[in-house]
Structures are given as structure tokens and as C-alpha cells.
């Protein structure tokens, strides 16, 4: 189900949006984004006109399959999307300037490195 604030009610969600919405997701500038890999190395954007998910960007840097490197959240910050992983590392993706920066390789950047990780 999905909450619709303008109607103040919950509604059932069906169709293509459900197919791709199984990973951390977030909104920015009216668009819905979802990660397309457990570690957040790929991102998709939802196309509400065609009710489908489109591949948006691939960092080409797969971090691995460990639980510590799995993406836990996708959050907007300063017009960009932040991928927060279980080990508290953070990558920032500049989706607003996708066309301008794609050729320069400046879409992905590391905001914070690997966080404190303890095992007991």
C-alpha cells in the first residue's frame, strides 16, 4: 500500500511500480528512485507514464555482497541522493545534473568513508 497525503488515505499499489520497488528508494524533485543492486552501485528511476523502471546510472564500481556493504537507505540531501550503507559509508549521486556531469565522471562521490565497524 501507499499513503496519498492529498487524499489522506492509503491505496493499493499495483503494476510496474511494485516490480522494481524492493530495494532502498527515495524521492527527489518529484521523481522516485530505487537502487538496482544490493550495494547501491546502480540506480533506477520510475517512469509513471509507462509504469516501468528505467536504468538511470551505473557507477561501474560494485562493492561486493557482504552485509556491511549493503545499501540501507537512499536519502535526498542538497539536491543529490545519498546512498547510506550498513557500514555507514555514504556515496552521493548527482541525479539533478545527470546530463551535464555524465561525461565528466562527476556523478558519484564519496561523502564519508567506511564507518566504525565492530564485531563482538
Foldseek 3Di string as FASTA:
>chain_A
DDADVVVRDDDDDDAAVVVPPPAAWDDAPHWIKGADDQLRQWIWTADVVVSHIDTDDGLPDDPDDDQQRGFDHWDDDPQWIWTAGNQRWIKTANSVCCPPCVVVSPGIDTPGHGHDDDDD
